[in-house]
Amino acid sequence: MITVLVADDQPLARAGFRTILGAAPGIAVVGEAVDGEEAVEQARRLRPEVVLMDIQMPKVDGIEATRRLPGQKVIVLTTFGLDDYIVEALRAGAAGFLLKDAPVEELVGAVRAVAAGDAQLSPAVTRRLLDRVAGRLPSPVRAESDAVGSLTPRELEILVMLAAGRSNAEIAADLFVSEATVKTHVSNVLAKLGLRSRIQAVIFAYESGLITPGATRS
């Protein structure tokens, strides 16, 4: 059973999400929160597999609440679409995002995907998101030498390929190694850079200048 916490300051929104997810086989809503502060408390107490987190909430917003829950699988909910709120949420460690008016099947599918360890927003889509909002982000700067310098040449190569939107299977085929080997390298990259997800790796690559907005997917 996939357990879910719903955090939204609008009662009708919480009720809607609970109804939709409660009707989906294998999913159970175990708690609700009316603001970011309560979301953090409830997530730490209930340990749900997935948190649906609204971005704009009183006391503590969804971005800061996500940042306070390292290791927690968070899907950010927004009405703002593709903008800098989403980028900040991904930087904070969200596993992906959904618009509040997303179709029922997309919501249920996102919860299942994130619970299984996948990102709701694929790295390739994240790149397109960054390209669209690049004008509102700080100019890319080279990463500190200690961060990039901690990577082996192969790990750096895989980071760039990952940030270009390539899947583990595609990277494995290009480098003539197994997918298991690629997964190990990706895990090492995330650990060395202190990142929580492949999505954050894409953002890191953009902000460090390893990838530039609009770059062609290789």
Protein backbone atom coordinates (compact mmCIF):
# COMPACT_ATOMS: atom_id res chain seq x y z
CA MET A 1 0.00 0.00 0.00
CA ILE A 2 1.37 3.42 -1.00
CA THR A 3 0.79 5.91 1.82
CA VAL A 4 0.25 9.58 0.99
CA LEU A 5 0.13 12.84 2.95
CA VAL A 6 -1.82 15.70 1.35
CA ALA A 7 -0.68 19.24 2.25
CA ASP A 8 -2.87 22.08 0.98
CA ASP A 9 -4.45 25.05 2.74
CA GLN A 10 -7.69 24.71 0.73
CA PRO A 11 -10.17 22.23 2.28
CA LEU A 12 -11.85 21.47 -1.05
CA ALA A 13 -8.52 20.70 -2.66
CA ARG A 14 -7.54 18.33 0.15
CA ALA A 15 -10.92 16.60 -0.04
CA GLY A 16 -10.59 16.22 -3.79
CA PHE A 17 -7.14 14.68 -3.60
CA ARG A 18 -8.23 12.35 -0.80
CA THR A 19 -11.24 11.18 -2.81
CA ILE A 20 -9.24 10.60 -5.98
CA LEU A 21 -6.35 8.80 -4.33
CA GLY A 22 -8.59 6.88 -1.94
CA ALA A 23 -10.40 5.38 -4.92
CA ALA A 24 -7.16 4.20 -6.53
CA PRO A 25 -6.14 0.59 -5.76
CA GLY A 26 -3.07 0.29 -3.58
CA ILE A 27 -3.04 3.93 -2.41
CA ALA A 28 -4.10 5.28 0.98
CA VAL A 29 -4.17 8.88 2.23
CA VAL A 30 -2.89 8.67 5.80
CA GLY A 31 -2.93 12.33 6.72
CA GLU A 32 -3.63 15.94 5.75
CA ALA A 33 -1.91 19.24 6.54
CA VAL A 34 -3.23 22.79 6.23
CA ASP A 35 0.14 24.57 6.04
CA GLY A 36 3.80 23.85 5.46
CA GLU A 37 4.67 23.71 9.13
CA GLU A 38 2.06 21.04 9.78
CA ALA A 39 3.14 19.20 6.63
CA VAL A 40 6.67 18.85 8.00
CA GLU A 41 5.36 17.66 11.38
CA GLN A 42 2.94 15.17 9.84
CA ALA A 43 5.50 13.83 7.38
CA ARG A 44 8.02 13.21 10.15
CA ARG A 45 5.38 11.54 12.32
CA LEU A 46 3.50 9.47 9.73
CA ARG A 47 6.39 8.68 7.38
CA PRO A 48 4.24 8.56 4.24
CA GLU A 49 5.84 7.25 1.07
CA VAL A 50 4.72 10.32 -0.88
CA VAL A 51 3.77 13.87 0.08
CA LEU A 52 1.56 16.00 -2.18
CA MET A 53 2.74 19.52 -1.33
CA ASP A 54 1.05 22.73 -2.39
CA ILE A 55 3.56 25.50 -3.08
CA GLN A 56 1.67 28.43 -1.56
CA MET A 57 0.64 27.77 2.03
CA PRO A 58 0.64 29.88 5.21
CA LYS A 59 3.33 29.78 7.91
CA VAL A 60 5.81 27.76 5.84
CA ASP A 61 5.46 27.50 2.08
CA GLY A 62 5.72 24.24 0.18
CA ILE A 63 9.22 24.94 -1.07
CA GLU A 64 10.66 25.46 2.39
CA ALA A 65 8.65 22.51 3.76
CA THR A 66 10.16 20.30 1.05
CA ARG A 67 13.63 21.55 1.93
CA ARG A 68 13.02 20.53 5.57
CA LEU A 69 12.18 16.97 4.56
CA PRO A 70 15.39 15.48 3.13
CA GLY A 71 14.84 11.97 1.89
CA GLN A 72 11.09 12.46 1.60
CA LYS A 73 9.43 11.89 -1.78
CA VAL A 74 7.54 15.10 -2.49
CA ILE A 75 5.32 15.97 -5.44
CA VAL A 76 4.77 19.71 -5.59
CA LEU A 77 1.32 20.99 -6.55
CA THR A 78 0.92 24.34 -8.24
CA THR A 79 -1.42 26.49 -10.30
CA PHE A 80 1.44 28.53 -11.67
CA GLY A 81 2.61 26.19 -14.44
CA LEU A 82 6.19 26.24 -15.68
CA ASP A 83 7.88 29.06 -13.81
CA ASP A 84 10.55 29.80 -11.25
CA TYR A 85 8.41 28.44 -8.39
CA ILE A 86 8.83 25.00 -9.92
CA VAL A 87 12.58 25.39 -10.31
CA GLU A 88 12.91 26.41 -6.66
CA ALA A 89 10.83 23.40 -5.60
CA LEU A 90 13.07 21.07 -7.61
CA ARG A 91 16.14 22.69 -6.12
CA ALA A 92 14.63 22.05 -2.69
CA GLY A 93 14.46 18.33 -3.48
CA ALA A 94 10.99 17.71 -4.87
CA ALA A 95 10.68 14.54 -6.93
CA GLY A 96 8.51 16.36 -9.45
CA PHE A 97 5.51 18.58 -9.86
CA LEU A 98 1.91 18.53 -11.01
CA LEU A 99 -0.55 21.24 -11.88
CA LYS A 100 -3.54 21.14 -9.55
CA ASP A 101 -5.89 20.59 -12.47
CA ALA A 102 -3.95 17.59 -13.79
CA PRO A 103 -6.11 14.68 -14.97
CA VAL A 104 -6.98 12.02 -12.40
CA GLU A 105 -4.88 9.38 -14.15
CA GLU A 106 -1.87 11.71 -14.17
CA LEU A 107 -2.15 12.35 -10.44
CA VAL A 108 -2.46 8.65 -9.61
CA GLY A 109 0.33 7.78 -12.03
CA ALA A 110 2.61 10.38 -10.48
CA VAL A 111 2.09 9.00 -6.98
CA ARG A 112 2.83 5.47 -8.16
CA ALA A 113 5.91 6.58 -10.11
CA VAL A 114 7.41 8.61 -7.28
CA ALA A 115 6.69 5.87 -4.73
CA ALA A 116 8.59 3.47 -7.00
CA GLY A 117 11.58 5.79 -6.97
CA ASP A 118 11.07 7.47 -10.32
CA ALA A 119 10.88 11.20 -10.93
CA GLN A 120 7.49 12.48 -12.03
CA LEU A 121 9.34 15.07 -14.11
CA SER A 122 11.97 13.35 -16.23
CA PRO A 123 15.44 14.91 -16.58
CA ALA A 124 14.73 15.69 -20.23
CA VAL A 125 11.56 17.59 -19.31
CA THR A 126 13.44 19.34 -16.51
CA ARG A 127 15.96 20.56 -19.09
CA ARG A 128 13.14 22.00 -21.19
CA LEU A 129 11.72 23.61 -18.05
CA LEU A 130 15.08 25.22 -17.29
CA ASP A 131 15.39 26.39 -20.87
CA ARG A 132 11.97 28.09 -20.63
CA VAL A 133 12.66 29.87 -17.35
CA ALA A 134 16.37 30.52 -17.86
CA GLY A 135 15.77 34.25 -18.19
CA ARG A 136 14.48 34.36 -14.61
CA LEU A 137 17.34 32.31 -13.14
CA PRO A 138 20.75 33.61 -12.05
CA SER A 139 23.37 33.41 -14.76
CA PRO A 140 25.12 30.01 -14.73
CA VAL A 141 28.37 29.94 -12.83
CA ARG A 142 31.08 27.34 -12.77
CA ALA A 143 30.72 24.92 -9.90
CA GLU A 144 33.28 25.11 -7.13
CA SER A 145 36.28 23.02 -8.04
CA ASP A 146 35.84 20.89 -4.94
CA ALA A 147 32.38 19.77 -6.09
CA VAL A 148 33.15 18.93 -9.69
CA GLY A 149 36.69 17.91 -8.81
CA SER A 150 35.37 15.18 -6.54
CA LEU A 151 33.96 13.36 -9.57
CA THR A 152 35.96 10.87 -11.58
CA PRO A 153 36.21 11.53 -15.34
CA ARG A 154 33.60 8.83 -15.96
CA GLU A 155 31.24 10.25 -13.32
CA LEU A 156 31.56 13.72 -14.85
CA GLU A 157 30.83 12.25 -18.28
CA ILE A 158 27.71 10.53 -16.96
CA LEU A 159 26.56 13.70 -15.18
CA VAL A 160 26.69 15.63 -18.45
CA MET A 161 24.86 12.85 -20.30
CA LEU A 162 22.28 12.62 -17.53
CA ALA A 163 21.75 16.37 -17.62
CA ALA A 164 21.31 16.20 -21.38
CA GLY A 165 18.23 14.06 -20.75
CA ARG A 166 19.62 10.64 -21.54
CA SER A 167 18.17 7.61 -19.76
CA ASN A 168 20.24 4.99 -17.97
CA ALA A 169 19.68 2.62 -20.88
CA GLU A 170 20.87 5.21 -23.41
CA ILE A 171 23.95 6.05 -21.33
CA ALA A 172 24.76 2.37 -20.93
CA ALA A 173 24.50 1.80 -24.67
CA ASP A 174 26.71 4.80 -25.47
CA LEU A 175 29.40 3.81 -22.97
CA PHE A 176 29.18 0.05 -23.59
CA VAL A 177 28.50 -0.74 -19.93
CA SER A 178 25.56 -2.29 -18.08
CA GLU A 179 22.61 -0.30 -16.76
CA ALA A 180 23.56 -1.49 -13.28
CA THR A 181 26.97 0.15 -13.72
CA VAL A 182 25.34 3.38 -14.83
CA LYS A 183 23.00 3.33 -11.82
CA THR A 184 26.02 2.92 -9.54
CA HIS A 185 27.77 5.87 -11.17
CA VAL A 186 24.64 8.02 -10.92
CA SER A 187 24.30 7.17 -7.21
CA ASN A 188 27.94 8.10 -6.66
CA VAL A 189 27.47 11.41 -8.49
CA LEU A 190 24.45 12.34 -6.39
CA ALA A 191 26.23 11.38 -3.16
CA LYS A 192 29.40 13.33 -3.97
CA LEU A 193 27.50 16.44 -4.99
CA GLY A 194 25.06 16.23 -2.08
CA LEU A 195 22.06 15.99 -4.39
CA ARG A 196 18.78 14.20 -3.70
CA SER A 197 17.65 13.29 -7.21
CA ARG A 198 18.47 13.09 -10.90
CA ILE A 199 16.41 16.24 -11.35
CA GLN A 200 18.68 18.14 -8.97
CA ALA A 201 21.63 16.84 -10.99
CA VAL A 202 20.17 18.51 -14.08
CA ILE A 203 19.78 21.79 -12.20
CA PHE A 204 23.33 21.49 -10.83
CA ALA A 205 24.69 20.93 -14.34
CA TYR A 206 22.85 24.02 -15.61
CA GLU A 207 23.92 26.24 -12.72
CA SER A 208 27.53 25.05 -12.91
CA GLY A 209 27.77 25.75 -16.62
CA LEU A 210 28.19 22.11 -17.63
CA ILE A 211 24.98 22.40 -19.68
CA THR A 212 23.62 25.55 -21.29
CA PRO A 213 19.98 26.49 -21.94
CA GLY A 214 18.82 25.34 -25.34
CA ALA A 215 21.68 22.88 -25.78
CA THR A 216 20.88 20.09 -28.20
CA ARG A 217 20.09 16.75 -26.64
CA SER A 218 23.01 14.49 -27.52
